[in-house]
PDB file of N, CA and C in Angstrom:
ATOM      1  N   MET A   1       0.820  -1.191   0.000  1.00  0.00           N
ATOM      2  CA  MET A   1       0.000   0.000   0.000  1.00  0.00           C
ATOM      3  C   MET A   1       0.866   1.258   0.000  1.00  0.00           C
ATOM      4  N   LYS A   2       1.952   1.247   0.832  1.00  0.00           N
ATOM      5  CA  LYS A   2       2.830   2.398   0.879  1.00  0.00           C
ATOM      6  C   LYS A   2       3.535   2.601  -0.451  1.00  0.00           C
ATOM      7  N   SER A   3       3.869   1.521  -1.100  1.00  0.00           N
ATOM      8  CA  SER A   3       4.562   1.592  -2.373  1.00  0.00           C
ATOM      9  C   SER A   3       3.698   2.291  -3.422  1.00  0.00           C
ATOM     10  N   LYS A   4       2.405   1.979  -3.458  1.00  0.00           N
ATOM     11  CA  LYS A   4       1.491   2.621  -4.419  1.00  0.00           C
ATOM     12  C   LYS A   4       1.363   4.118  -4.119  1.00  0.00           C
ATOM     13  N   ALA A   5       1.295   4.465  -2.845  1.00  0.00           N
ATOM     14  CA  ALA A   5       1.170   5.876  -2.476  1.00  0.00           C
ATOM     15  C   ALA A   5       2.425   6.656  -2.859  1.00  0.00           C
ATOM     16  N   VAL A   6       3.600   6.045  -2.649  1.00  0.00           N
ATOM     17  CA  VAL A   6       4.851   6.700  -3.007  1.00  0.00           C
ATOM     18  C   VAL A   6       4.926   6.899  -4.510  1.00  0.00           C
ATOM     19  N   TRP A   7       4.570   5.880  -5.281  1.00  0.00           N
ATOM     20  CA  TRP A   7       4.606   6.001  -6.738  1.00  0.00           C
ATOM     21  C   TRP A   7       3.586   7.018  -7.236  1.00  0.00           C
ATOM     22  N   ALA A   8       2.438   7.082  -6.597  1.00  0.00           N
ATOM     23  CA  ALA A   8       1.430   8.072  -6.987  1.00  0.00           C
ATOM     24  C   ALA A   8       1.950   9.487  -6.729  1.00  0.00           C
ATOM     25  N   LEU A   9       2.639   9.687  -5.616  1.00  0.00           N
ATOM     26  CA  LEU A   9       3.210  10.997  -5.321  1.00  0.00           C
ATOM     27  C   LEU A   9       4.346  11.353  -6.277  1.00  0.00           C
ATOM     28  N   VAL A  10       5.141  10.358  -6.666  1.00  0.00           N
ATOM     29  CA  VAL A  10       6.215  10.593  -7.630  1.00  0.00           C
ATOM     30  C   VAL A  10       5.632  11.014  -8.975  1.00  0.00           C
ATOM     31  N   VAL A  11       4.598  10.324  -9.430  1.00  0.00           N
ATOM     32  CA  VAL A  11       3.955  10.656 -10.708  1.00  0.00           C
ATOM     33  C   VAL A  11       3.342  12.059 -10.632  1.00  0.00           C
ATOM     34  N   LEU A  12       2.699  12.358  -9.512  1.00  0.00           N
ATOM     35  CA  LEU A  12       2.112  13.685  -9.340  1.00  0.00           C
ATOM     36  C   LEU A  12       3.187  14.775  -9.377  1.00  0.00           C
ATOM     37  N   ASN A  13       4.308  14.547  -8.730  1.00  0.00           N
ATOM     38  CA  ASN A  13       5.402  15.516  -8.746  1.00  0.00           C
ATOM     39  C   ASN A  13       5.975  15.706 -10.144  1.00  0.00           C
ATOM     40  N   VAL A  14       6.093  14.631 -10.904  1.00  0.00           N
ATOM     41  CA  VAL A  14       6.595  14.735 -12.276  1.00  0.00           C
ATOM     42  C   VAL A  14       5.621  15.552 -13.126  1.00  0.00           C
ATOM     43  N   LEU A  15       4.331  15.316 -12.972  1.00  0.00           N
ATOM     44  CA  LEU A  15       3.330  16.081 -13.724  1.00  0.00           C
ATOM     45  C   LEU A  15       3.364  17.558 -13.334  1.00  0.00           C
ATOM     46  N   LEU A  16       3.486  17.852 -12.064  1.00  0.00           N
ATOM     47  CA  LEU A  16       3.553  19.245 -11.615  1.00  0.00           C
ATOM     48  C   LEU A  16       4.814  19.931 -12.132  1.00  0.00           C
ATOM     49  N   LEU A  17       5.935  19.216 -12.121  1.00  0.00           N
ATOM     50  CA  LEU A  17       7.178  19.777 -12.638  1.00  0.00           C
ATOM     51  C   LEU A  17       7.075  20.042 -14.139  1.00  0.00           C
ATOM     52  N   ALA A  18       6.467  19.120 -14.876  1.00  0.00           N
ATOM     53  CA  ALA A  18       6.297  19.300 -16.318  1.00  0.00           C
ATOM     54  C   ALA A  18       5.396  20.496 -16.617  1.00  0.00           C
ATOM     55  N   SER A  19       4.316  20.651 -15.870  1.00  0.00           N
ATOM     56  CA  SER A  19       3.424  21.790 -16.115  1.00  0.00           C
ATOM     57  C   SER A  19       4.105  23.102 -15.749  1.00  0.00           C
ATOM     58  N   LEU A  20       4.926  23.099 -14.706  1.00  0.00           N
ATOM     59  CA  LEU A  20       5.665  24.298 -14.333  1.00  0.00           C
ATOM     60  C   LEU A  20       6.668  24.672 -15.415  1.00  0.00           C
ATOM     61  N   CYS A  21       7.354  23.683 -15.972  1.00  0.00           N
ATOM     62  CA  CYS A  21       8.320  23.954 -17.042  1.00  0.00           C
ATOM     63  C   CYS A  21       7.631  24.470 -18.294  1.00  0.00           C
ATOM     64  N   LEU A  22       6.509  23.883 -18.649  1.00  0.00           N
ATOM     65  CA  LEU A  22       5.780  24.319 -19.843  1.00  0.00           C
ATOM     66  C   LEU A  22       5.223  25.724 -19.656  1.00  0.00           C
ATOM     67  N   HIS A  23       4.775  26.031 -18.457  1.00  0.00           N
ATOM     68  CA  HIS A  23       4.246  27.368 -18.193  1.00  0.00           C
ATOM     69  C   HIS A  23       5.365  28.408 -18.245  1.00  0.00           C
ATOM     70  N   GLY A  24       6.530  28.066 -17.782  1.00  0.00           N
ATOM     71  CA  GLY A  24       7.655  28.998 -17.785  1.00  0.00           C
ATOM     72  C   GLY A  24       8.246  29.221 -19.160  1.00  0.00           C
ATOM     73  N   LEU A  25       8.072  28.280 -20.075  1.00  0.00           N
ATOM     74  CA  LEU A  25       8.650  28.396 -21.401  1.00  0.00           C
ATOM     75  C   LEU A  25       7.761  29.152 -22.384  1.00  0.00           C
ATOM     76  N   THR A  26       6.488  29.317 -22.070  1.00  0.00           N
ATOM     77  CA  THR A  26       5.584  30.011 -22.987  1.00  0.00           C
ATOM     78  C   THR A  26       5.874  31.513 -22.922  1.00  0.00           C
ATOM     79  N   PRO A  27       5.875  32.188 -24.079  1.00  0.00           N
ATOM     80  CA  PRO A  27       6.144  33.628 -24.077  1.00  0.00           C
ATOM     81  C   PRO A  27       4.972  34.396 -23.464  1.00  0.00           C
ATOM     82  N   SER A  28       5.303  35.456 -22.765  1.00  0.00           N
ATOM     83  CA  SER A  28       4.249  36.277 -22.173  1.00  0.00           C
ATOM     84  C   SER A  28       3.998  37.484 -23.063  1.00  0.00           C
ATOM     85  N   ALA A  29       2.754  37.874 -23.175  1.00  0.00           N
ATOM     86  CA  ALA A  29       2.377  39.011 -24.009  1.00  0.00           C
ATOM     87  C   ALA A  29       2.401  40.289 -23.182  1.00  0.00           C
ATOM     88  N   ARG A  30       2.854  41.370 -23.799  1.00  0.00           N
ATOM     89  CA  ARG A  30       2.861  42.680 -23.143  1.00  0.00           C
ATOM     90  C   ARG A  30       2.135  43.667 -24.039  1.00  0.00           C
ATOM     91  N   ALA A  31       1.279  44.458 -23.435  1.00  0.00           N
ATOM     92  CA  ALA A  31       0.502  45.419 -24.204  1.00  0.00           C
ATOM     93  C   ALA A  31       1.333  46.659 -24.552  1.00  0.00           C
ATOM     94  N   GLN A  32       2.205  47.096 -23.650  1.00  0.00           N
ATOM     95  CA  GLN A  32       3.013  48.281 -23.894  1.00  0.00           C
ATOM     96  C   GLN A  32       4.415  47.858 -24.289  1.00  0.00           C
ATOM     97  N   GLY A  33       5.037  48.689 -25.115  1.00  0.00           N
ATOM     98  CA  GLY A  33       6.387  48.387 -25.549  1.00  0.00           C
ATOM     99  C   GLY A  33       7.399  48.508 -24.419  1.00  0.00           C
ATOM    100  N   ARG A  34       7.335  49.600 -23.662  1.00  0.00           N
ATOM    101  CA  ARG A  34       8.292  49.819 -22.594  1.00  0.00           C
ATOM    102  C   ARG A  34       7.736  49.416 -21.240  1.00  0.00           C
ATOM    103  N   GLY A  35       6.500  49.056 -21.170  1.00  0.00           N
ATOM    104  CA  GLY A  35       5.894  48.719 -19.889  1.00  0.00           C
ATOM    105  C   GLY A  35       5.194  49.925 -19.302  1.00  0.00           C
ATOM    106  N   ALA A  36       4.476  49.700 -18.255  1.00  0.00           N
ATOM    107  CA  ALA A  36       3.715  50.763 -17.617  1.00  0.00           C
ATOM    108  C   ALA A  36       4.643  51.711 -16.865  1.00  0.00           C
ATOM    109  N   SER A  37       4.186  52.924 -16.695  1.00  0.00           N
ATOM    110  CA  SER A  37       4.972  53.915 -15.957  1.00  0.00           C
ATOM    111  C   SER A  37       4.807  53.720 -14.462  1.00  0.00           C
ATOM    112  N   ASP A  38       5.766  54.240 -13.726  1.00  0.00           N
ATOM    113  CA  ASP A  38       5.708  54.249 -12.271  1.00  0.00           C
ATOM    114  C   ASP A  38       5.443  55.679 -11.840  1.00  0.00           C
ATOM    115  N   TYR A  39       4.544  55.848 -10.882  1.00  0.00           N
ATOM    116  CA  TYR A  39       4.156  57.177 -10.450  1.00  0.00           C
ATOM    117  C   TYR A  39       4.425  57.360  -8.962  1.00  0.00           C
ATOM    118  N   ILE A  40       4.833  58.564  -8.607  1.00  0.00           N
ATOM    119  CA  ILE A  40       4.927  58.975  -7.214  1.00  0.00           C
ATOM    120  C   ILE A  40       3.956  60.131  -7.057  1.00  0.00           C
ATOM    121  N   MET A  41       3.063  60.039  -6.082  1.00  0.00           N
ATOM    122  CA  MET A  41       2.080  61.093  -5.842  1.00  0.00           C
ATOM    123  C   MET A  41       2.364  61.722  -4.483  1.00  0.00           C
ATOM    124  N   ILE A  42       2.484  63.050  -4.472  1.00  0.00           N
ATOM    125  CA  ILE A  42       2.840  63.780  -3.259  1.00  0.00           C
ATOM    126  C   ILE A  42       1.743  64.795  -2.965  1.00  0.00           C
ATOM    127  N   PRO A  43       1.093  64.690  -1.812  1.00  0.00           N
ATOM    128  CA  PRO A  43       0.063  65.684  -1.478  1.00  0.00           C
ATOM    129  C   PRO A  43       0.704  66.982  -0.992  1.00  0.00           C
ATOM    130  N   GLY A  44       0.041  68.084  -1.253  1.00  0.00           N
ATOM    131  CA  GLY A  44       0.535  69.384  -0.803  1.00  0.00           C
ATOM    132  C   GLY A  44      -0.606  70.370  -0.675  1.00  0.00           C
ATOM    133  N   GLU A  45      -0.267  71.567  -0.248  1.00  0.00           N
ATOM    134  CA  GLU A  45      -1.264  72.624  -0.128  1.00  0.00           C
ATOM    135  C   GLU A  45      -0.744  73.874  -0.816  1.00  0.00           C
ATOM    136  N   VAL A  46      -1.657  74.693  -1.314  1.00  0.00           N
ATOM    137  CA  VAL A  46      -1.308  75.927  -1.994  1.00  0.00           C
ATOM    138  C   VAL A  46      -1.063  76.995  -0.931  1.00  0.00           C
ATOM    139  N   VAL A  47       0.072  77.667  -1.023  1.00  0.00           N
ATOM    140  CA  VAL A  47       0.399  78.720  -0.065  1.00  0.00           C
ATOM    141  C   VAL A  47      -0.527  79.915  -0.306  1.00  0.00           C
ATOM    142  N   GLY A  48      -1.168  80.389   0.737  1.00  0.00           N
ATOM    143  CA  GLY A  48      -2.067  81.532   0.623  1.00  0.00           C
ATOM    144  C   GLY A  48      -3.432  81.173   0.067  1.00  0.00           C
ATOM    145  N   GLY A  49      -3.744  79.919  -0.020  1.00  0.00           N
ATOM    146  CA  GLY A  49      -5.046  79.502  -0.533  1.00  0.00           C
ATOM    147  C   GLY A  49      -5.628  78.408   0.330  1.00  0.00           C
ATOM    148  N   ASN A  50      -6.790  77.950  -0.047  1.00  0.00           N
ATOM    149  CA  ASN A  50      -7.432  76.890   0.717  1.00  0.00           C
ATOM    150  C   ASN A  50      -7.590  75.609  -0.094  1.00  0.00           C
ATOM    151  N   ALA A  51      -6.831  75.500  -1.180  1.00  0.00           N
ATOM    152  CA  ALA A  51      -6.941  74.327  -2.046  1.00  0.00           C
ATOM    153  C   ALA A  51      -5.825  73.339  -1.724  1.00  0.00           C
ATOM    154  N   SER A  52      -6.121  72.083  -1.901  1.00  0.00           N
ATOM    155  CA  SER A  52      -5.108  71.033  -1.795  1.00  0.00           C
ATOM    156  C   SER A  52      -4.640  70.680  -3.195  1.00  0.00           C
ATOM    157  N   ILE A  53      -3.408  70.186  -3.276  1.00  0.00           N
ATOM    158  CA  ILE A  53      -2.832  69.863  -4.574  1.00  0.00           C
ATOM    159  C   ILE A  53      -2.131  68.514  -4.488  1.00  0.00           C
ATOM    160  N   ILE A  54      -2.101  67.809  -5.594  1.00  0.00           N
ATOM    161  CA  ILE A  54      -1.390  66.534  -5.682  1.00  0.00           C
ATOM    162  C   ILE A  54      -0.338  66.683  -6.779  1.00  0.00           C
ATOM    163  N   TYR A  55       0.928  66.517  -6.408  1.00  0.00           N
ATOM    164  CA  TYR A  55       2.017  66.515  -7.378  1.00  0.00           C
ATOM    165  C   TYR A  55       2.211  65.072  -7.838  1.00  0.00           C
ATOM    166  N   ILE A  56       2.298  64.875  -9.151  1.00  0.00           N
ATOM    167  CA  ILE A  56       2.428  63.534  -9.729  1.00  0.00           C
ATOM    168  C   ILE A  56       3.729  63.483 -10.527  1.00  0.00           C
ATOM    169  N   VAL A  57       4.633  62.583 -10.133  1.00  0.00           N
ATOM    170  CA  VAL A  57       5.909  62.416 -10.825  1.00  0.00           C
ATOM    171  C   VAL A  57       5.870  61.084 -11.578  1.00  0.00           C
ATOM    172  N   ASP A  58       6.035  61.154 -12.886  1.00  0.00           N
ATOM    173  CA  ASP A  58       6.143  59.963 -13.732  1.00  0.00           C
ATOM    174  C   ASP A  58       7.625  59.612 -13.792  1.00  0.00           C
ATOM    175  N   THR A  59       8.041  58.617 -13.006  1.00  0.00           N
ATOM    176  CA  THR A  59       9.460  58.312 -12.873  1.00  0.00           C
ATOM    177  C   THR A  59      10.052  57.661 -14.118  1.00  0.00           C
ATOM    178  N   ARG A  60       9.256  56.992 -14.903  1.00  0.00           N
ATOM    179  CA  ARG A  60       9.786  56.331 -16.096  1.00  0.00           C
ATOM    180  C   ARG A  60      10.038  57.330 -17.222  1.00  0.00           C
ATOM    181  N   ASN A  61       9.102  58.263 -17.425  1.00  0.00           N
ATOM    182  CA  ASN A  61       9.225  59.214 -18.523  1.00  0.00           C
ATOM    183  C   ASN A  61       9.804  60.553 -18.084  1.00  0.00           C
ATOM    184  N   GLY A  62       9.909  60.791 -16.776  1.00  0.00           N
ATOM    185  CA  GLY A  62      10.520  62.012 -16.271  1.00  0.00           C
ATOM    186  C   GLY A  62       9.660  63.250 -16.381  1.00  0.00           C
ATOM    187  N   PHE A  63       8.383  63.138 -16.041  1.00  0.00           N
ATOM    188  CA  PHE A  63       7.486  64.288 -16.093  1.00  0.00           C
ATOM    189  C   PHE A  63       6.911  64.581 -14.717  1.00  0.00           C
ATOM    190  N   LEU A  64       6.671  65.873 -14.467  1.00  0.00           N
ATOM    191  CA  LEU A  64       6.020  66.328 -13.250  1.00  0.00           C
ATOM    192  C   LEU A  64       4.745  67.045 -13.639  1.00  0.00           C
ATOM    193  N   SER A  65       3.648  66.663 -13.025  1.00  0.00           N
ATOM    194  CA  SER A  65       2.388  67.351 -13.238  1.00  0.00           C
ATOM    195  C   SER A  65       1.717  67.533 -11.884  1.00  0.00           C
ATOM    196  N   ALA A  66       0.630  68.274 -11.880  1.00  0.00           N
ATOM    197  CA  ALA A  66      -0.076  68.532 -10.629  1.00  0.00           C
ATOM    198  C   ALA A  66      -1.573  68.611 -10.895  1.00  0.00           C
ATOM    199  N   ARG A  67      -2.335  68.282  -9.874  1.00  0.00           N
ATOM    200  CA  ARG A  67      -3.783  68.392  -9.917  1.00  0.00           C
ATOM    201  C   ARG A  67      -4.251  69.014  -8.619  1.00  0.00           C
ATOM    202  N   ALA A  68      -5.241  69.869  -8.735  1.00  0.00           N
ATOM    203  CA  ALA A  68      -5.808  70.513  -7.556  1.00  0.00           C
ATOM    204  C   ALA A  68      -7.277  70.132  -7.453  1.00  0.00           C
ATOM    205  N   TYR A  69      -7.774  70.112  -6.238  1.00  0.00           N
ATOM    206  CA  TYR A  69      -9.191  69.817  -6.019  1.00  0.00           C
ATOM    207  C   TYR A  69      -9.969  71.121  -6.041  1.00  0.00           C
ATOM    208  N   ASP A  70     -10.971  71.193  -6.916  1.00  0.00           N
ATOM    209  CA  ASP A  70     -11.846  72.359  -7.009  1.00  0.00           C
ATOM    210  C   ASP A  70     -13.131  72.034  -6.249  1.00  0.00           C
ATOM    211  N   ALA A  71     -13.314  72.713  -5.113  1.00  0.00           N
ATOM    212  CA  ALA A  71     -14.470  72.419  -4.257  1.00  0.00           C
ATOM    213  C   ALA A  71     -15.783  72.807  -4.926  1.00  0.00           C
ATOM    214  N   GLN A  72     -15.783  73.885  -5.715  1.00  0.00           N
ATOM    215  CA  GLN A  72     -17.024  74.313  -6.365  1.00  0.00           C
ATOM    216  C   GLN A  72     -17.450  73.326  -7.449  1.00  0.00           C
ATOM    217  N   ALA A  73     -16.482  72.856  -8.234  1.00  0.00           N
ATOM    218  CA  ALA A  73     -16.796  71.904  -9.304  1.00  0.00           C
ATOM    219  C   ALA A  73     -16.825  70.469  -8.786  1.00  0.00           C
ATOM    220  N   ARG A  74     -16.340  70.267  -7.549  1.00  0.00           N
ATOM    221  CA  ARG A  74     -16.261  68.944  -6.936  1.00  0.00           C
ATOM    222  C   ARG A  74     -15.501  67.952  -7.813  1.00  0.00           C
ATOM    223  N   GLY A  75     -14.316  68.368  -8.203  1.00  0.00           N
ATOM    224  CA  GLY A  75     -13.491  67.509  -9.035  1.00  0.00           C
ATOM    225  C   GLY A  75     -12.059  67.992  -9.087  1.00  0.00           C
ATOM    226  N   LEU A  76     -11.221  67.243  -9.779  1.00  0.00           N
ATOM    227  CA  LEU A  76      -9.816  67.582  -9.929  1.00  0.00           C
ATOM    228  C   LEU A  76      -9.599  68.430 -11.177  1.00  0.00           C
ATOM    229  N   VAL A  77      -8.680  69.384 -11.063  1.00  0.00           N
ATOM    230  CA  VAL A  77      -8.350  70.275 -12.171  1.00  0.00           C
ATOM    231  C   VAL A  77      -6.870  70.105 -12.481  1.00  0.00           C
ATOM    232  N   ASP A  78      -6.546  69.848 -13.757  1.00  0.00           N
ATOM    233  CA  ASP A  78      -5.144  69.739 -14.161  1.00  0.00           C
ATOM    234  C   ASP A  78      -4.487  71.105 -14.124  1.00  0.00           C
ATOM    235  N   MET A  79      -3.234  71.121 -13.745  1.00  0.00           N
ATOM    236  CA  MET A  79      -2.497  72.374 -13.606  1.00  0.00           C
ATOM    237  C   MET A  79      -1.548  72.577 -14.783  1.00  0.00           C
ATOM    238  N   GLY A  80      -2.053  72.701 -15.979  1.00  0.00           N
ATOM    239  CA  GLY A  80      -1.236  72.997 -17.157  1.00  0.00           C
ATOM    240  C   GLY A  80      -0.529  71.777 -17.713  1.00  0.00           C
ATOM    241  N   GLN A  81       0.467  72.041 -18.554  1.00  0.00           N
ATOM    242  CA  GLN A  81       1.228  70.982 -19.204  1.00  0.00           C
ATOM    243  C   GLN A  81       2.218  70.348 -18.223  1.00  0.00           C
ATOM    244  N   PRO A  82       2.491  69.047 -18.367  1.00  0.00           N
ATOM    245  CA  PRO A  82       3.516  68.410 -17.531  1.00  0.00           C
ATOM    246  C   PRO A  82       4.889  69.031 -17.783  1.00  0.00           C
ATOM    247  N   ILE A  83       5.707  69.069 -16.744  1.00  0.00           N
ATOM    248  CA  ILE A  83       7.054  69.624 -16.828  1.00  0.00           C
ATOM    249  C   ILE A  83       8.029  68.487 -17.103  1.00  0.00           C
ATOM    250  N   ASP A  84       8.885  68.653 -18.100  1.00  0.00           N
ATOM    251  CA  ASP A  84       9.893  67.651 -18.459  1.00  0.00           C
ATOM    252  C   ASP A  84      11.079  67.786 -17.503  1.00  0.00           C
ATOM    253  N   LEU A  85      11.182  66.879 -16.549  1.00  0.00           N
ATOM    254  CA  LEU A  85      12.247  66.939 -15.551  1.00  0.00           C
ATOM    255  C   LEU A  85      13.614  66.624 -16.155  1.00  0.00           C
ATOM    256  N   GLY A  86      13.646  65.826 -17.216  1.00  0.00           N
ATOM    257  CA  GLY A  86      14.905  65.520 -17.892  1.00  0.00           C
ATOM    258  C   GLY A  86      15.524  66.761 -18.503  1.00  0.00           C
ATOM    259  N   ARG A  87      14.693  67.654 -19.027  1.00  0.00           N
ATOM    260  CA  ARG A  87      15.211  68.889 -19.606  1.00  0.00           C
ATOM    261  C   ARG A  87      15.724  69.825 -18.511  1.00  0.00           C
ATOM    262  N   ILE A  88      15.035  69.850 -17.388  1.00  0.00           N
ATOM    263  CA  ILE A  88      15.434  70.746 -16.289  1.00  0.00           C
ATOM    264  C   ILE A  88      16.707  70.256 -15.609  1.00  0.00           C
ATOM    265  N   PHE A  89      16.765  68.962 -15.323  1.00  0.00           N
ATOM    266  CA  PHE A  89      17.895  68.414 -14.571  1.00  0.00           C
ATOM    267  C   PHE A  89      18.963  67.807 -15.476  1.00  0.00           C
ATOM    268  N   GLY A  90      18.837  67.929 -16.772  1.00  0.00           N
ATOM    269  CA  GLY A  90      19.863  67.452 -17.694  1.00  0.00           C
ATOM    270  C   GLY A  90      19.981  65.944 -17.740  1.00  0.00           C
ATOM    271  N   ASN A  91      18.883  65.208 -17.561  1.00  0.00           N
ATOM    272  CA  ASN A  91      18.841  63.749 -17.620  1.00  0.00           C
ATOM    273  C   ASN A  91      19.750  63.086 -16.591  1.00  0.00           C
ATOM    274  N   ARG A  92      20.041  63.744 -15.481  1.00  0.00           N
ATOM    275  CA  ARG A  92      20.823  63.117 -14.415  1.00  0.00           C
ATOM    276  C   ARG A  92      19.966  62.092 -13.694  1.00  0.00           C
ATOM    277  N   GLY A  93      20.573  61.019 -13.285  1.00  0.00           N
ATOM    278  CA  GLY A  93      19.856  59.996 -12.536  1.00  0.00           C
ATOM    279  C   GLY A  93      19.178  58.964 -13.397  1.00  0.00           C
ATOM    280  N   ARG A  94      19.388  59.010 -14.698  1.00  0.00           N
ATOM    281  CA  ARG A  94      18.764  57.992 -15.561  1.00  0.00           C
ATOM    282  C   ARG A  94      19.770  56.977 -15.983  1.00  0.00           C
TER     283      ARG A  94
END
């Protein structure tokens, strides 16, 4: 009885190993060429105002943007065009 159980476990392990190898060898599909961006979001407040602001840094592409909460419109407002940090800092740190 023990012999059958041991052989059954050996066969099961071989099947699991084979499926793991086959799964690892199949190519994975990616929707984006360079992959998704990484973002850092920093909360802040406007000096002399009552609005809150969120600074958003796109670490992969090197852009800084900001959004503020508009209480009257009850939504977020973009704060102009994103700033190219690579141009400002001369592509240091990449």
